[in-house]
């Protein structure tokens, strides 16, 4: 059970990185959506 305590900070860092990736992906999707709407 002790190793779970050691893995928690690593999991936290990975979750922050995943949130950052999701945020940038969302911005990219919004940008592409605007681009598509402007062409119509």
C-alpha atoms as a PDB file:
ATOM      1  CA  UNK A   1       0.000   0.000   0.000  1.00  0.00           C
ATOM      2  CA  UNK A   2       2.930   2.349   0.523  1.00  0.00           C
ATOM      3  CA  UNK A   3       3.670   2.638  -3.184  1.00  0.00           C
ATOM      4  CA  UNK A   4       0.261   4.275  -3.784  1.00  0.00           C
ATOM      5  CA  UNK A   5       1.445   7.269  -1.770  1.00  0.00           C
ATOM      6  CA  UNK A   6       4.535   7.500  -3.952  1.00  0.00           C
ATOM      7  CA  UNK A   7       2.522   7.336  -7.173  1.00  0.00           C
ATOM      8  CA  UNK A   8       0.028  10.030  -6.142  1.00  0.00           C
ATOM      9  CA  UNK A   9       2.268  13.043  -7.000  1.00  0.00           C
ATOM     10  CA  UNK A  10       3.144  11.512 -10.362  1.00  0.00           C
ATOM     11  CA  UNK A  11      -0.529  10.899 -11.125  1.00  0.00           C
ATOM     12  CA  UNK A  12      -1.277  14.501 -10.134  1.00  0.00           C
ATOM     13  CA  UNK A  13       1.342  15.831 -12.567  1.00  0.00           C
ATOM     14  CA  UNK A  14      -0.017  13.640 -15.360  1.00  0.00           C
ATOM     15  CA  UNK A  15      -3.566  14.811 -14.652  1.00  0.00           C
ATOM     16  CA  UNK A  16      -2.462  18.466 -14.863  1.00  0.00           C
ATOM     17  CA  UNK A  17      -0.740  17.767 -18.173  1.00  0.00           C
ATOM     18  CA  UNK A  18      -3.875  16.033 -19.478  1.00  0.00           C
ATOM     19  CA  UNK A  19      -6.032  19.000 -18.461  1.00  0.00           C
ATOM     20  CA  UNK A  20      -3.682  21.355 -20.294  1.00  0.00           C
ATOM     21  CA  UNK A  21      -3.856  19.169 -23.414  1.00  0.00           C
ATOM     22  CA  UNK A  22      -7.661  19.064 -23.285  1.00  0.00           C
ATOM     23  CA  UNK A  23      -7.777  22.839 -22.931  1.00  0.00           C
ATOM     24  CA  UNK A  24      -5.517  23.422 -25.925  1.00  0.00           C
ATOM     25  CA  UNK A  25      -7.463  20.856 -27.962  1.00  0.00           C
ATOM     26  CA  UNK A  26     -10.717  22.633 -27.125  1.00  0.00           C
ATOM     27  CA  UNK A  27      -9.249  25.963 -28.273  1.00  0.00           C
ATOM     28  CA  UNK A  28      -8.097  24.372 -31.529  1.00  0.00           C
ATOM     29  CA  UNK A  29     -11.551  22.879 -32.160  1.00  0.00           C
ATOM     30  CA  UNK A  30     -13.171  26.278 -31.537  1.00  0.00           C
ATOM     31  CA  UNK A  31     -10.737  27.937 -33.945  1.00  0.00           C
ATOM     32  CA  UNK A  32     -11.446  25.353 -36.648  1.00  0.00           C
ATOM     33  CA  UNK A  33     -15.178  25.730 -36.061  1.00  0.00           C
ATOM     34  CA  UNK A  34     -14.967  29.509 -36.598  1.00  0.00           C
ATOM     35  CA  UNK A  35     -12.898  28.949 -39.724  1.00  0.00           C
ATOM     36  CA  UNK A  36     -15.511  26.553 -41.132  1.00  0.00           C
ATOM     37  CA  UNK A  37     -18.380  28.908 -40.290  1.00  0.00           C
ATOM     38  CA  UNK A  38     -16.646  31.825 -42.043  1.00  0.00           C
ATOM     39  CA  UNK A  39     -16.366  29.859 -45.294  1.00  0.00           C
ATOM     40  CA  UNK A  40     -20.103  29.176 -45.495  1.00  0.00           C
END
